[in-house]
Amino acid sequence: MRTTTRLAALTAAAALVVTAAPAGAAPSPAPAAPAPADSQVLPTLDSALGSQLTSLVEALRRDLGLTPEQFLDQAGIGERLAESRPRWEKAFRDSFGGVWLDEEGTGLVGVVAGEAGDLLRAEATDAGFTVQDVALTTEELSARERQVSKIVTDLPEDLRALVTGVRVDPTRNTVVVSTRGGEAAQLGNLTARLKDLAEIDMTEAPDPAWDTAPFGSEDGGTQSDGAPNTAGLQPATTRAGTPGQTPAGGDSGSLGSLALLNQTGVIPEGPMRTVVELLAGLTPGTGSIIDGMSQTMSDPVTPVPQNQTRADGPAPTGPIAGGTAYSVAVPGGILECSTGFNGELDGSPVVITAAHCAGADGTRAALADGEEFGTMTRTQREGIDTALVAVDPEFSDRFRTNLVGAGPDTTQAITGSAEPVVGQKACKTGFRTGFSCGTVSEVGATIDVAGSRTIANAFTVDLCALPGDSGGVVFSGDKALGISSASNVAETGTCANADAVARENGYVPRLSAVPIADVMAAHPGLTLRTN
């Protein structure tokens, strides 16, 4: 099932005993029937999440109210649901209504009544999942989504402008049309035209169309980086634009962006200096946040000169984990982003990252201290937002690690990959905001990033990511899920502001990511580092 979302105002060690495909390999066919839940043995807390994971443990507590053991447990449930989903969808096409996790982490399987449904019900129950009766199969939901999308496309301009997304919500077993703003008469007209084919979610939220631009770190990176300040802040609004033509300042949802100077020089915000004072309530002229950068960026804002970058803190001295700051020189300045998962291609180490962070193939990448470590290659912006950094031979050993995290004492080992499932708990890490965690809210989404590019088959996680987190990792338990690409709160400056603005306007901070399976498929021969 695919969903379509327009992001016009979107500016990012455990050993879990659950079977996963070998790193880099195509997903393994699901077994005839998943193993019962009680046979999935989990490691003890000490062996699964050691003391070196304090930062992640705190993020889990702060953002999800979960212990590391609960996080690992739910990650395993999500992984098994994802493994079973394609087989059930094929074998039980007349009765399979989707899979998801509820707020308590229970694995749910939607079943349509009937003879085939009885067989699916028995299999899902034997596997340890909870069955929920639904009216529509995933095939019917997909057909209905296409029908609703056609209706939206044919709407009068004033109604079409209200719609920010069309998606399938397996938890409600329906198609959902998201809208922003609008008069009562317009919304009534829209409801009538949808003919009971979809439910409408009304919000003043920004669209998910902006990149998680490269940016600096303020306090060493947590989701709560300062007291909220909503003075003068407004939720971002949809920007007009045609595909292939970036609005001035770039595609604002991107988490990869050009670093900026204020009128008097770089603002020292911490070891990874960041210009964050775009807030209208601050003194005019003190600085601004860039919206993002794409290959077709027009009239870009003034970037930081190459001799005045913000990511100038000390570089790691040992293994280089996913989520580490790096920069790329582009005409007029510097892009600053986060490394993703480490991998290998043709026997040589590579770093997986986002294409909107890459500049162009052949561009050199450098660590925070300015030392170059590799060359951008295999850049693919449209549809997937993926690129690799081919690591220089002298740095090879430092990238032969499966760790992700901000540095010593704050890392987690990645042991494999998994497909995201709605309701699954996931975390991300990037050099701007460090670890933050949330719930997967959509899968199979098509994200329009401010009219400049699209992300096909994206998934979204309800968490805060800011410029600088682009290219960083998204994971569940010890499994890789994807790469950070776009965020709907990238212009808010801090996660504290993002949370406050979101609460006031009835939406949640949301990160859009590229599934790791799609990244692997886009780069034949690429394998994920899992040891």
Protein backbone atom coordinates (compact mmCIF):
# COMPACT_ATOMS: atom_id res chain seq x y z
CA MET A 1 0.00 0.00 0.00
CA ARG A 2 1.35 3.40 -0.97
CA THR A 3 0.53 6.74 0.54
CA THR A 4 1.13 10.16 -0.91
CA THR A 5 2.18 13.11 1.22
CA ARG A 6 3.13 16.61 0.17
CA LEU A 7 5.90 17.99 2.36
CA ALA A 8 5.85 21.62 1.47
CA ALA A 9 6.85 22.91 4.86
CA LEU A 10 9.01 20.06 6.02
CA THR A 11 12.36 21.32 6.25
CA ALA A 12 16.12 13.16 10.24
CA ALA A 13 24.98 -2.55 21.61
CA ALA A 14 22.21 -4.88 21.43
CA ALA A 15 22.01 -8.46 20.27
CA LEU A 16 18.39 -9.40 19.74
CA VAL A 17 17.75 -13.07 19.08
CA VAL A 18 15.44 -12.68 16.09
CA THR A 19 16.20 -14.12 12.67
CA ALA A 20 17.20 -11.57 10.02
CA ALA A 21 18.45 -11.78 6.46
CA PRO A 22 22.24 -11.55 6.04
CA ALA A 23 23.52 -8.02 5.71
CA GLY A 24 22.89 -6.68 2.25
CA ALA A 25 20.94 -9.72 1.13
CA ALA A 26 17.44 -9.62 -0.25
CA PRO A 27 14.80 -10.23 2.42
CA SER A 28 14.42 -13.92 3.11
CA PRO A 29 11.10 -15.56 2.26
CA ALA A 30 8.89 -15.78 5.29
CA PRO A 31 8.61 -19.26 6.82
CA ALA A 32 5.42 -21.23 6.37
CA ALA A 33 4.29 -19.99 9.74
CA PRO A 34 6.07 -17.61 12.11
CA ALA A 35 7.42 -19.05 15.33
CA PRO A 36 5.26 -18.49 18.39
CA ALA A 37 6.03 -15.35 20.30
CA ASP A 38 7.11 -17.21 23.42
CA SER A 39 9.90 -18.97 21.48
CA GLN A 40 11.59 -15.66 20.60
CA VAL A 41 14.25 -15.63 23.31
CA LEU A 42 15.43 -12.16 24.31
CA PRO A 43 18.83 -11.51 25.85
CA THR A 44 19.15 -10.09 29.32
CA LEU A 45 19.36 -6.34 29.65
CA ASP A 46 23.05 -6.46 30.55
CA SER A 47 23.95 -8.44 27.44
CA ALA A 48 21.56 -6.60 25.12
CA LEU A 49 22.14 -2.99 26.09
CA GLY A 50 25.31 -2.40 28.03
CA SER A 51 26.27 0.64 30.04
CA GLN A 52 27.66 2.23 26.89
CA LEU A 53 24.05 2.90 25.75
CA THR A 54 23.16 5.44 28.41
CA SER A 55 22.24 8.06 25.81
CA LEU A 56 19.87 5.71 24.00
CA VAL A 57 18.41 4.42 27.24
CA GLU A 58 17.60 7.99 28.25
CA ALA A 59 16.01 8.73 24.84
CA LEU A 60 13.83 5.64 25.14
CA ARG A 61 12.67 6.69 28.59
CA ARG A 62 12.15 10.33 27.62
CA ASP A 63 10.41 9.85 24.27
CA LEU A 64 8.63 6.51 24.59
CA GLY A 65 8.52 5.65 28.29
CA LEU A 66 10.16 2.33 27.43
CA THR A 67 12.96 0.34 28.96
CA PRO A 68 15.63 -1.07 26.63
CA GLU A 69 14.15 -4.54 27.15
CA GLN A 70 10.72 -3.34 26.03
CA PHE A 71 12.24 -1.60 23.01
CA LEU A 72 14.04 -4.78 21.96
CA ASP A 73 10.92 -6.86 22.52
CA GLN A 74 8.73 -4.59 20.40
CA ALA A 75 11.38 -4.37 17.70
CA GLY A 76 11.35 -8.15 17.48
CA ILE A 77 7.57 -8.23 17.19
CA GLY A 78 7.68 -5.64 14.42
CA GLU A 79 10.36 -7.57 12.58
CA ARG A 80 8.35 -10.79 12.66
CA LEU A 81 5.23 -8.98 11.46
CA ALA A 82 7.20 -7.46 8.59
CA GLU A 83 8.59 -10.87 7.64
CA SER A 84 5.11 -12.41 7.62
CA ARG A 85 3.35 -9.55 5.81
CA PRO A 86 4.29 -10.31 2.17
CA ARG A 87 3.46 -14.01 2.45
CA TRP A 88 0.14 -13.38 4.17
CA GLU A 89 -0.77 -10.72 1.62
CA LYS A 90 -0.17 -13.23 -1.17
CA ALA A 91 -1.59 -16.36 0.44
CA PHE A 92 -4.62 -14.70 2.04
CA ARG A 93 -5.43 -11.90 -0.40
CA ASP A 94 -9.17 -12.26 0.29
CA SER A 95 -8.79 -11.94 4.06
CA PHE A 96 -5.53 -10.16 4.98
CA GLY A 97 -6.16 -6.68 6.36
CA GLY A 98 -2.63 -5.61 7.28
CA VAL A 99 -0.28 -5.71 10.27
CA TRP A 100 0.59 -3.13 12.90
CA LEU A 101 1.54 -2.68 16.54
CA ASP A 102 -0.71 -0.95 19.05
CA GLU A 103 0.45 1.50 21.72
CA GLU A 104 1.24 -1.33 24.10
CA GLY A 105 3.46 -3.04 21.52
CA THR A 106 1.03 -5.86 20.77
CA GLY A 107 1.42 -7.32 17.28
CA LEU A 108 -1.93 -7.11 15.46
CA VAL A 109 -3.12 -8.81 12.28
CA GLY A 110 -6.23 -7.57 10.49
CA VAL A 111 -8.51 -10.38 9.28
CA VAL A 112 -11.63 -10.20 7.09
CA ALA A 113 -14.25 -12.80 7.98
CA GLY A 114 -14.58 -15.87 5.77
CA GLU A 115 -13.14 -19.32 5.24
CA ALA A 116 -9.72 -17.98 4.28
CA GLY A 117 -9.94 -15.60 7.19
CA ASP A 118 -10.36 -18.53 9.57
CA LEU A 119 -7.11 -20.03 8.30
CA LEU A 120 -5.26 -16.72 8.63
CA ARG A 121 -6.75 -16.20 12.06
CA ALA A 122 -5.46 -19.56 13.23
CA GLU A 123 -1.99 -19.01 11.78
CA ALA A 124 -1.62 -15.53 13.21
CA THR A 125 -2.83 -16.66 16.63
CA ASP A 126 -0.46 -19.63 16.64
CA ALA A 127 2.38 -17.21 15.86
CA GLY A 128 1.57 -15.26 19.01
CA PHE A 129 -0.13 -12.28 17.39
CA THR A 130 -3.52 -10.79 18.21
CA VAL A 131 -6.19 -10.89 15.52
CA GLN A 132 -8.47 -7.92 14.88
CA ASP A 133 -11.57 -8.17 12.69
CA VAL A 134 -11.57 -5.67 9.81
CA ALA A 135 -13.84 -4.95 6.86
CA LEU A 136 -11.32 -4.41 4.05
CA THR A 137 -8.32 -6.35 2.78
CA THR A 138 -5.04 -4.64 1.97
CA GLU A 139 -5.80 -5.16 -1.70
CA GLU A 140 -9.15 -3.38 -1.31
CA LEU A 141 -7.52 -0.58 0.67
CA SER A 142 -4.91 -0.07 -2.04
CA ALA A 143 -7.60 0.10 -4.71
CA ARG A 144 -9.59 2.55 -2.62
CA GLU A 145 -6.48 4.68 -2.08
CA ARG A 146 -5.96 4.92 -5.85
CA GLN A 147 -9.60 5.89 -6.28
CA VAL A 148 -9.36 8.59 -3.61
CA SER A 149 -6.11 9.91 -5.09
CA LYS A 150 -7.85 10.26 -8.46
CA ILE A 151 -10.71 12.16 -6.82
CA VAL A 152 -8.23 14.49 -5.11
CA THR A 153 -6.36 15.09 -8.37
CA ASP A 154 -9.61 16.11 -10.07
CA LEU A 155 -10.76 18.46 -7.29
CA PRO A 156 -11.18 22.19 -7.93
CA GLU A 157 -8.00 24.08 -7.10
CA ASP A 158 -9.31 25.56 -3.83
CA LEU A 159 -10.16 22.10 -2.49
CA ARG A 160 -7.06 20.39 -3.85
CA ALA A 161 -4.90 22.97 -2.09
CA LEU A 162 -6.31 21.85 1.27
CA VAL A 163 -5.18 18.24 0.85
CA THR A 164 -1.73 17.45 2.21
CA GLY A 165 -1.77 13.68 1.86
CA VAL A 166 -3.64 10.49 1.03
CA ARG A 167 -2.66 7.33 2.88
CA VAL A 168 -3.83 3.94 4.04
CA ASP A 169 -4.08 3.62 7.81
CA PRO A 170 -4.07 -0.08 8.74
CA THR A 171 -4.89 0.72 12.36
CA ARG A 172 -8.25 2.15 11.25
CA ASN A 173 -8.60 -0.07 8.20
CA THR A 174 -9.37 2.91 6.02
CA VAL A 175 -7.97 5.48 3.63
CA VAL A 176 -7.19 8.81 5.28
CA VAL A 177 -7.11 12.20 3.56
CA SER A 178 -5.10 14.76 5.52
CA THR A 179 -6.04 18.41 5.17
CA ARG A 180 -4.70 21.68 6.47
CA GLY A 181 -6.94 24.65 7.12
CA GLY A 182 -10.02 25.41 5.08
CA GLU A 183 -13.50 26.82 5.67
CA ALA A 184 -16.37 24.68 6.90
CA ALA A 185 -18.10 24.86 3.51
CA GLN A 186 -14.94 23.72 1.71
CA LEU A 187 -14.41 20.80 4.06
CA GLY A 188 -18.06 19.81 3.70
CA ASN A 189 -17.69 19.89 -0.07
CA LEU A 190 -14.56 17.75 0.16
CA THR A 191 -16.30 15.22 2.38
CA ALA A 192 -19.18 14.93 -0.08
CA ARG A 193 -16.82 14.40 -3.03
CA LEU A 194 -14.97 11.60 -1.23
CA LYS A 195 -18.23 9.62 -1.08
CA ASP A 196 -17.41 7.79 2.17
CA LEU A 197 -14.30 6.31 0.59
CA ALA A 198 -11.99 7.95 3.10
CA GLU A 199 -11.82 9.62 6.49
CA ILE A 200 -10.53 13.18 6.78
CA ASP A 201 -7.87 14.20 9.26
CA MET A 202 -7.92 17.99 9.67
CA THR A 203 -4.90 19.78 11.06
CA GLU A 204 -2.90 22.94 10.72
CA ALA A 205 0.26 20.86 10.47
CA PRO A 206 2.89 21.54 7.82
CA ASP A 207 3.18 19.08 4.98
CA PRO A 208 6.00 16.52 5.09
CA ALA A 209 8.06 17.99 2.30
CA TRP A 210 11.27 19.36 3.70
CA ASP A 211 14.68 17.77 4.05
CA THR A 212 16.47 17.22 7.32
CA ALA A 213 19.29 19.48 6.20
CA PRO A 214 22.90 19.19 7.32
CA PHE A 215 23.30 21.26 10.41
CA GLY A 216 25.28 21.73 13.60
CA SER A 217 24.82 20.43 17.12
CA GLU A 218 23.83 22.62 20.04
CA ASP A 219 24.17 20.73 23.29
CA GLY A 220 25.64 17.42 22.29
CA GLY A 221 22.33 16.27 20.91
CA THR A 222 19.18 15.33 22.74
CA GLN A 223 15.61 15.83 21.70
CA SER A 224 15.10 18.45 24.40
CA ASP A 225 17.72 21.05 23.58
CA GLY A 226 16.50 24.09 25.49
CA ALA A 227 13.30 25.54 26.81
CA PRO A 228 10.54 25.95 24.23
CA ASN A 229 10.07 29.37 22.71
CA THR A 230 7.08 29.80 20.44
CA ALA A 231 7.08 33.58 20.24
CA GLY A 232 6.65 34.53 16.63
CA LEU A 233 6.67 30.92 15.43
CA GLN A 234 4.12 29.77 12.93
CA PRO A 235 3.75 26.28 11.47
CA ALA A 236 5.33 26.13 8.05
CA THR A 237 3.00 26.38 5.10
CA THR A 238 2.85 24.72 1.73
CA ARG A 239 5.11 26.33 -0.82
CA ALA A 240 4.11 26.57 -4.42
CA GLY A 241 6.46 25.02 -6.91
CA THR A 242 6.69 22.70 -9.84
CA PRO A 243 8.62 19.43 -9.86
CA GLY A 244 12.24 20.03 -10.65
CA GLN A 245 12.13 23.68 -9.63
CA THR A 246 13.18 24.36 -6.07
CA PRO A 247 11.69 27.33 -4.25
CA ALA A 248 14.12 30.06 -3.28
CA GLY A 249 16.27 28.84 -0.44
CA GLY A 250 15.95 25.21 -1.38
CA ASP A 251 13.46 22.53 -0.48
CA SER A 252 12.75 23.47 3.07
CA GLY A 253 11.95 20.04 4.39
CA SER A 254 15.39 18.65 3.73
CA LEU A 255 17.60 17.77 6.64
CA GLY A 256 20.59 18.46 4.46
CA SER A 257 21.36 22.12 3.89
CA LEU A 258 23.90 24.84 3.40
CA ALA A 259 25.44 26.29 6.51
CA LEU A 260 24.81 30.02 7.01
CA LEU A 261 26.53 33.04 8.48
CA ASN A 262 24.68 35.72 10.35
CA GLN A 263 25.40 39.34 9.61
CA THR A 264 28.29 39.48 12.04
CA GLY A 265 29.77 36.02 11.57
CA VAL A 266 29.19 32.46 12.70
CA ILE A 267 27.11 32.18 15.87
CA PRO A 268 28.92 29.98 18.42
CA GLU A 269 26.26 27.56 19.66
CA GLY A 270 28.56 24.81 20.91
CA PRO A 271 31.17 22.41 19.58
CA MET A 272 29.20 22.02 16.32
CA ARG A 273 28.13 25.63 15.77
CA THR A 274 24.66 26.09 14.35
CA VAL A 275 22.73 29.09 13.19
CA VAL A 276 19.28 28.53 14.66
CA GLU A 277 17.77 31.96 15.16
CA LEU A 278 15.28 32.01 12.34
CA LEU A 279 12.60 32.53 14.95
CA ALA A 280 10.59 35.67 14.31
CA GLY A 281 10.68 36.51 18.00
CA LEU A 282 14.46 36.93 17.96
CA THR A 283 16.38 40.06 17.05
CA PRO A 284 16.20 40.58 13.27
CA GLY A 285 19.38 39.84 11.44
CA THR A 286 20.91 37.54 14.05
CA GLY A 287 20.91 34.57 11.73
CA SER A 288 18.74 32.08 9.91
CA ILE A 289 18.33 28.41 9.16
CA ILE A 290 18.66 27.23 5.63
CA ASP A 291 15.78 25.35 4.12
CA GLY A 292 17.68 22.68 2.34
CA MET A 293 19.61 22.08 -0.80
CA SER A 294 18.95 20.24 -4.01
CA GLN A 295 20.59 19.96 -7.36
CA THR A 296 18.18 22.48 -8.86
CA MET A 297 18.33 24.93 -5.99
CA SER A 298 17.65 28.45 -7.20
CA ASP A 299 18.74 31.69 -5.55
CA PRO A 300 20.43 29.92 -2.61
CA VAL A 301 21.02 31.70 0.65
CA THR A 302 24.55 32.74 1.52
CA PRO A 303 26.43 29.62 2.70
CA VAL A 304 29.21 29.50 5.24
CA PRO A 305 32.54 30.12 3.50
CA GLN A 306 34.72 27.04 3.44
CA ASN A 307 37.09 28.54 6.02
CA GLN A 308 34.26 29.21 8.49
CA THR A 309 32.32 25.96 8.79
CA ARG A 310 30.26 25.19 11.85
CA ALA A 311 31.13 21.50 12.07
CA ASP A 312 34.62 22.26 13.34
CA GLY A 313 34.67 20.25 16.54
CA PRO A 314 37.00 17.33 17.16
CA ALA A 315 36.55 14.36 14.86
CA PRO A 316 36.28 10.82 16.24
CA THR A 317 39.64 9.23 16.91
CA GLY A 318 38.52 5.59 16.83
CA PRO A 319 35.81 3.70 14.92
CA ILE A 320 33.47 6.06 13.07
CA ALA A 321 29.86 5.22 13.93
CA GLY A 322 26.65 6.06 12.08
CA GLY A 323 25.37 9.51 13.02
CA THR A 324 28.81 11.18 12.91
CA ALA A 325 29.09 14.71 11.51
CA TYR A 326 30.60 15.14 8.07
CA SER A 327 30.70 17.94 5.51
CA VAL A 328 30.85 18.30 1.75
CA ALA A 329 32.13 21.36 -0.09
CA VAL A 330 29.76 22.69 -2.75
CA PRO A 331 29.92 25.85 -4.84
CA GLY A 332 29.59 28.73 -2.43
CA GLY A 333 29.92 26.89 0.86
CA ILE A 334 29.65 23.73 2.91
CA LEU A 335 26.93 21.09 3.39
CA GLU A 336 26.89 19.45 6.82
CA CYS A 337 25.14 16.11 7.44
CA SER A 338 25.35 12.86 9.39
CA THR A 339 26.84 9.57 8.31
CA GLY A 340 24.46 6.66 7.98
CA PHE A 341 25.09 2.96 8.36
CA ASN A 342 28.49 1.62 7.43
CA GLY A 343 28.66 -0.98 4.69
CA GLU A 344 30.82 -2.56 2.02
CA LEU A 345 30.70 -2.45 -1.76
CA ASP A 346 32.94 -4.70 -3.82
CA GLY A 347 34.93 -5.48 -0.69
CA SER A 348 35.64 -1.85 0.20
CA PRO A 349 34.11 0.17 3.05
CA VAL A 350 31.42 2.72 2.18
CA VAL A 351 29.15 4.98 4.19
CA ILE A 352 25.43 5.05 3.38
CA THR A 353 23.95 8.57 3.48
CA ALA A 354 21.40 10.87 1.83
CA ALA A 355 21.79 12.19 -1.72
CA HIS A 356 20.69 15.72 -0.85
CA CYS A 357 23.80 15.86 1.36
CA ALA A 358 26.15 14.79 -1.41
CA GLY A 359 26.61 17.71 -3.78
CA ALA A 360 27.59 15.57 -6.77
CA ASP A 361 29.47 12.36 -7.46
CA GLY A 362 33.18 12.96 -7.03
CA THR A 363 32.74 15.54 -4.28
CA ARG A 364 35.02 14.98 -1.30
CA ALA A 365 33.62 14.35 2.21
CA ALA A 366 35.37 15.53 5.38
CA LEU A 367 35.03 14.90 9.11
CA ALA A 368 34.28 17.68 11.59
CA ASP A 369 37.95 18.65 11.84
CA GLY A 370 38.15 19.12 8.07
CA GLU A 371 40.10 15.94 7.32
CA GLU A 372 38.82 14.34 4.13
CA PHE A 373 37.94 10.67 4.39
CA GLY A 374 36.12 9.70 1.18
CA THR A 375 34.40 10.56 -2.08
CA MET A 376 30.67 10.85 -2.80
CA THR A 377 29.42 8.28 -5.31
CA ARG A 378 26.24 6.64 -6.66
CA THR A 379 24.13 9.70 -5.85
CA GLN A 380 20.41 9.18 -6.57
CA ARG A 381 18.13 12.07 -5.55
CA GLU A 382 14.82 11.50 -7.24
CA GLY A 383 12.60 8.83 -5.74
CA ILE A 384 15.01 7.54 -3.13
CA ASP A 385 17.50 10.14 -1.79
CA THR A 386 20.50 7.85 -1.42
CA ALA A 387 24.26 8.19 -1.88
CA LEU A 388 27.40 6.44 -0.76
CA VAL A 389 30.74 7.72 0.46
CA ALA A 390 33.60 5.59 -0.90
CA VAL A 391 36.03 5.55 2.02
CA ASP A 392 39.71 6.28 1.39
CA PRO A 393 42.01 3.28 2.03
CA GLU A 394 43.76 4.93 4.99
CA PHE A 395 40.37 5.30 6.74
CA SER A 396 39.04 1.83 5.89
CA ASP A 397 39.61 0.20 9.26
CA ARG A 398 37.83 3.01 11.12
CA PHE A 399 34.65 2.46 9.10
CA ARG A 400 34.65 -1.31 9.55
CA THR A 401 32.20 -1.05 12.44
CA ASN A 402 28.49 -1.72 12.88
CA LEU A 403 28.05 0.92 15.59
CA VAL A 404 25.69 3.88 15.44
CA GLY A 405 25.65 6.77 17.88
CA ALA A 406 27.31 10.00 18.84
CA GLY A 407 30.63 8.60 20.01
CA PRO A 408 32.26 6.77 22.93
CA ASP A 409 29.78 5.46 25.53
CA THR A 410 26.75 6.32 23.36
CA THR A 411 26.75 3.70 20.61
CA GLN A 412 24.61 0.73 19.60
CA ALA A 413 25.55 -2.22 17.42
CA ILE A 414 23.46 -2.99 14.33
CA THR A 415 23.15 -6.70 13.61
CA GLY A 416 20.85 -6.75 10.59
CA SER A 417 17.99 -4.97 8.84
CA ALA A 418 14.20 -5.02 8.97
CA GLU A 419 11.19 -3.53 7.21
CA PRO A 420 9.23 -0.87 9.13
CA VAL A 421 5.71 -1.61 10.42
CA VAL A 422 3.09 0.93 11.46
CA GLY A 423 3.09 1.27 15.25
CA GLN A 424 6.65 0.01 15.60
CA LYS A 425 8.95 1.95 17.93
CA ALA A 426 12.06 3.35 16.25
CA CYS A 427 14.93 5.70 17.04
CA LYS A 428 17.18 7.88 14.97
CA THR A 429 20.56 9.43 15.63
CA GLY A 430 22.27 12.31 13.90
CA PHE A 431 24.97 14.75 14.87
CA ARG A 432 22.51 17.63 15.40
CA THR A 433 20.07 16.09 17.85
CA GLY A 434 21.58 12.73 18.83
CA PHE A 435 19.19 9.95 19.79
CA SER A 436 15.45 10.58 19.62
CA CYS A 437 12.71 7.98 19.41
CA GLY A 438 9.10 7.71 18.24
CA THR A 439 6.48 5.56 16.55
CA VAL A 440 6.32 4.56 12.87
CA SER A 441 3.17 6.28 11.62
CA GLU A 442 3.23 5.50 7.88
CA VAL A 443 4.84 3.02 5.52
CA GLY A 444 4.83 2.96 1.73
CA ALA A 445 4.41 6.73 1.53
CA THR A 446 5.29 8.93 -1.44
CA ILE A 447 6.78 12.14 -0.08
CA ASP A 448 6.91 15.32 -2.18
CA VAL A 449 9.76 17.38 -0.76
CA ALA A 450 8.74 20.97 -1.46
CA GLY A 451 8.28 20.26 -5.16
CA SER A 452 12.00 19.64 -5.64
CA ARG A 453 12.13 15.86 -5.33
CA THR A 454 10.12 12.88 -4.14
CA ILE A 455 10.79 9.95 -1.85
CA ALA A 456 9.00 6.81 -3.01
CA ASN A 457 8.02 4.08 -0.55
CA ALA A 458 9.13 6.21 2.40
CA PHE A 459 8.20 5.57 6.01
CA THR A 460 7.61 8.19 8.67
CA VAL A 461 8.45 8.20 12.37
CA ASP A 462 6.84 10.61 14.81
CA LEU A 463 9.97 12.20 16.28
CA CYS A 464 12.02 15.37 16.03
CA ALA A 465 14.86 15.66 13.52
CA LEU A 466 16.58 18.89 12.54
CA PRO A 467 18.99 20.16 9.89
CA GLY A 468 22.24 18.24 10.28
CA ASP A 469 20.48 14.92 10.98
CA SER A 470 20.10 14.17 7.25
CA GLY A 471 21.79 11.00 6.12
CA GLY A 472 21.77 9.62 9.67
CA VAL A 473 20.40 6.28 10.79
CA VAL A 474 16.91 5.09 11.76
CA PHE A 475 16.72 1.77 13.61
CA SER A 476 14.49 -0.41 15.77
CA GLY A 477 16.13 -2.56 18.41
CA ASP A 478 19.39 -3.58 16.79
CA LYS A 479 18.02 -3.62 13.24
CA ALA A 480 18.55 -0.97 10.58
CA LEU A 481 15.29 0.50 9.24
CA GLY A 482 16.36 3.42 7.03
CA ILE A 483 18.13 6.71 6.37
CA SER A 484 16.86 10.13 7.56
CA SER A 485 15.71 12.31 4.67
CA ALA A 486 13.04 14.93 5.54
CA SER A 487 11.32 16.50 8.55
CA ASN A 488 8.25 18.65 9.09
CA VAL A 489 9.89 20.69 11.88
CA ALA A 490 13.30 21.49 10.41
CA GLU A 491 12.66 25.22 10.51
CA THR A 492 11.85 25.40 14.23
CA GLY A 493 15.48 25.64 15.36
CA THR A 494 15.31 23.29 18.34
CA CYS A 495 13.34 20.17 19.24
CA ALA A 496 11.93 22.01 22.26
CA ASN A 497 10.47 24.63 19.92
CA ALA A 498 9.32 21.91 17.52
CA ASP A 499 7.41 20.11 20.28
CA ALA A 500 5.82 23.34 21.54
CA VAL A 501 4.75 24.52 18.09
CA ALA A 502 3.41 21.08 17.22
CA ARG A 503 1.31 20.91 20.38
CA GLU A 504 -0.12 24.38 19.80
CA ASN A 505 -1.08 23.56 16.22
CA GLY A 506 -2.35 20.02 16.60
CA TYR A 507 0.33 17.94 14.93
CA VAL A 508 3.46 16.00 15.85
CA PRO A 509 7.08 16.34 14.68
CA ARG A 510 7.66 13.78 11.96
CA LEU A 511 10.72 12.36 10.19
CA SER A 512 10.49 10.84 6.71
CA ALA A 513 13.05 8.15 5.94
CA VAL A 514 14.17 5.93 3.07
CA PRO A 515 13.84 2.20 3.87
CA ILE A 516 17.19 0.45 4.13
CA ALA A 517 15.89 -2.34 1.85
CA ASP A 518 15.33 0.22 -0.92
CA VAL A 519 18.81 1.65 -0.37
CA MET A 520 20.38 -1.80 -0.67
CA ALA A 521 18.41 -2.53 -3.84
CA ALA A 522 19.52 0.78 -5.37
CA HIS A 523 23.19 -0.15 -4.98
CA PRO A 524 23.72 -3.72 -6.24
CA GLY A 525 26.48 -5.42 -4.31
CA LEU A 526 26.10 -3.20 -1.24
CA THR A 527 26.09 -5.02 2.11
CA LEU A 528 25.38 -3.66 5.56
CA ARG A 529 28.09 -3.82 8.18
CA THR A 530 26.78 -6.08 10.97
CA ASN A 531 29.92 -6.90 12.98
